[in-house]
Amino acid sequence: MNTPVKPTKKYSFRIPHGELEQARSVARAHGITLTELIRLRLRNLRVPDRSGQQLRFESLHALTQELQYIGHNINQVTTAIHRANIRQHSIEPELRAFNQLLESYLASRERLRVLMEQYLQP
């Protein structure tokens, strides 16, 4: 396994405009910087395709935020059920709402698990 080496030197060189644009285009298409592309090619390493990485991050962020909202709602329902128990009120509607929230939470958690597995696979 290759250990990343921290760059310590800066070097500039001249390159024809067309080749520079071509290199930038390749880097952009793979979702990496021009510097990363040059360093990978110098070491004869495969250029990774990170073009969909931003979309995956945004999707995971949205799903995680949804789970946070559901968790907040579950806490509110739990508090309401606890208060109703203390006051000896019927808690059947609260239990139904709680069960619905819990089912929604579990489904969202499963979607997040699948996304994470897909994202973490090489």
Protein backbone atom coordinates (compact mmCIF):
# COMPACT_ATOMS: atom_id res chain seq x y z
CA MET A 1 0.00 0.00 0.00
CA ASN A 2 1.33 3.42 -0.91
CA THR A 3 1.83 5.83 1.96
CA PRO A 4 0.90 9.43 1.07
CA VAL A 5 3.91 11.70 0.93
CA LYS A 6 3.46 15.29 2.03
CA PRO A 7 4.64 17.67 -0.70
CA THR A 8 7.58 19.78 0.44
CA LYS A 9 8.74 21.44 -2.78
CA LYS A 10 7.02 23.66 -5.31
CA TYR A 11 8.01 23.40 -8.96
CA SER A 12 6.68 25.09 -12.06
CA PHE A 13 7.14 24.17 -15.69
CA ARG A 14 5.94 25.25 -19.10
CA ILE A 15 3.37 23.26 -21.01
CA PRO A 16 1.52 24.04 -24.25
CA HIS A 17 -1.88 25.59 -23.65
CA GLY A 18 -3.72 22.72 -25.35
CA GLU A 19 -2.03 20.10 -23.18
CA LEU A 20 -2.76 22.11 -20.05
CA GLU A 21 -6.44 22.36 -20.95
CA GLN A 22 -6.53 18.66 -21.73
CA ALA A 23 -4.95 17.83 -18.34
CA ARG A 24 -7.39 20.14 -16.55
CA SER A 25 -10.28 18.50 -18.38
CA VAL A 26 -9.14 15.01 -17.36
CA ALA A 27 -8.68 16.12 -13.75
CA ARG A 28 -12.10 17.79 -13.69
CA ALA A 29 -13.75 14.70 -15.20
CA HIS A 30 -12.29 12.57 -12.41
CA GLY A 31 -13.12 15.04 -9.65
CA ILE A 32 -9.50 15.64 -8.67
CA THR A 33 -7.11 18.59 -8.85
CA LEU A 34 -4.57 19.09 -11.58
CA THR A 35 -1.79 18.59 -9.03
CA GLU A 36 -3.29 15.25 -7.94
CA LEU A 37 -3.52 14.14 -11.56
CA ILE A 38 0.12 15.00 -12.29
CA ARG A 39 1.41 13.33 -9.12
CA LEU A 40 -0.62 10.17 -9.76
CA ARG A 41 0.54 9.89 -13.36
CA LEU A 42 4.19 10.48 -12.40
CA ARG A 43 3.95 7.48 -10.06
CA ASN A 44 2.08 5.40 -12.68
CA LEU A 45 -0.90 5.10 -10.34
CA ARG A 46 -4.49 4.69 -11.45
CA VAL A 47 -6.44 7.94 -11.54
CA PRO A 48 -9.45 7.53 -9.21
CA ASP A 49 -12.87 8.63 -10.35
CA ARG A 50 -14.21 10.94 -7.66
CA SER A 51 -16.66 12.74 -9.93
CA GLY A 52 -19.71 11.54 -7.97
CA GLN A 53 -18.18 12.11 -4.56
CA GLN A 54 -19.86 15.48 -3.94
CA LEU A 55 -23.28 14.07 -4.79
CA ARG A 56 -22.71 11.15 -2.41
CA PHE A 57 -21.68 13.52 0.38
CA GLU A 58 -24.76 15.70 -0.21
CA SER A 59 -27.05 12.65 -0.23
CA LEU A 60 -25.56 11.27 2.97
CA HIS A 61 -25.79 14.69 4.61
CA ALA A 62 -29.48 15.03 3.67
CA LEU A 63 -30.30 11.57 4.98
CA THR A 64 -28.36 12.15 8.19
CA GLN A 65 -30.22 15.42 8.73
CA GLU A 66 -33.53 13.63 8.20
CA LEU A 67 -32.54 11.08 10.82
CA GLN A 68 -31.73 13.90 13.25
CA TYR A 69 -35.20 15.41 12.73
CA ILE A 70 -36.84 12.03 13.27
CA GLY A 71 -34.76 11.47 16.40
CA HIS A 72 -35.90 14.85 17.72
CA ASN A 73 -39.54 13.91 17.05
CA ILE A 74 -39.07 10.57 18.81
CA ASN A 75 -37.75 12.41 21.87
CA GLN A 76 -40.78 14.71 21.84
CA VAL A 77 -43.21 11.80 21.62
CA THR A 78 -41.38 9.96 24.40
CA THR A 79 -41.65 13.03 26.61
CA ALA A 80 -45.38 13.36 25.83
CA ILE A 81 -45.98 9.68 26.64
CA HIS A 82 -44.09 10.03 29.91
CA ARG A 83 -46.15 13.08 30.91
CA ALA A 84 -49.41 11.34 30.00
CA ASN A 85 -48.40 8.34 32.10
CA ILE A 86 -47.73 10.58 35.07
CA ARG A 87 -51.16 12.25 34.69
CA GLN A 88 -52.92 8.90 34.16
CA HIS A 89 -54.20 9.88 30.70
CA SER A 90 -54.81 7.52 27.81
CA ILE A 91 -51.62 7.34 25.76
CA GLU A 92 -52.87 5.25 22.85
CA PRO A 93 -52.68 8.12 20.25
CA GLU A 94 -49.17 9.00 21.41
CA LEU A 95 -48.11 5.36 21.14
CA ARG A 96 -49.44 5.17 17.58
CA ALA A 97 -47.54 8.35 16.67
CA PHE A 98 -44.44 7.00 18.35
CA ASN A 99 -44.66 3.71 16.44
CA GLN A 100 -45.03 5.59 13.13
CA LEU A 101 -42.01 7.75 13.89
CA LEU A 102 -40.01 4.73 14.95
CA GLU A 103 -40.87 2.87 11.73
CA SER A 104 -39.89 5.94 9.70
CA TYR A 105 -36.63 6.22 11.62
CA LEU A 106 -35.77 2.56 11.11
CA ALA A 107 -36.49 2.78 7.36
CA SER A 108 -34.31 5.89 7.05
CA ARG A 109 -31.57 4.26 9.05
CA GLU A 110 -31.65 1.27 6.71
CA ARG A 111 -31.38 3.56 3.66
CA LEU A 112 -28.39 5.27 5.29
CA ARG A 113 -26.77 1.89 5.99
CA VAL A 114 -27.12 0.86 2.33
CA LEU A 115 -25.72 4.20 1.13
CA MET A 116 -22.79 3.97 3.51
CA GLU A 117 -21.97 0.45 2.33
CA GLN A 118 -22.06 1.60 -1.30
CA TYR A 119 -19.92 4.63 -0.54
CA LEU A 120 -17.31 2.76 1.48
CA GLN A 121 -16.80 0.05 -1.14
CA PRO A 122 -13.66 0.64 -3.24
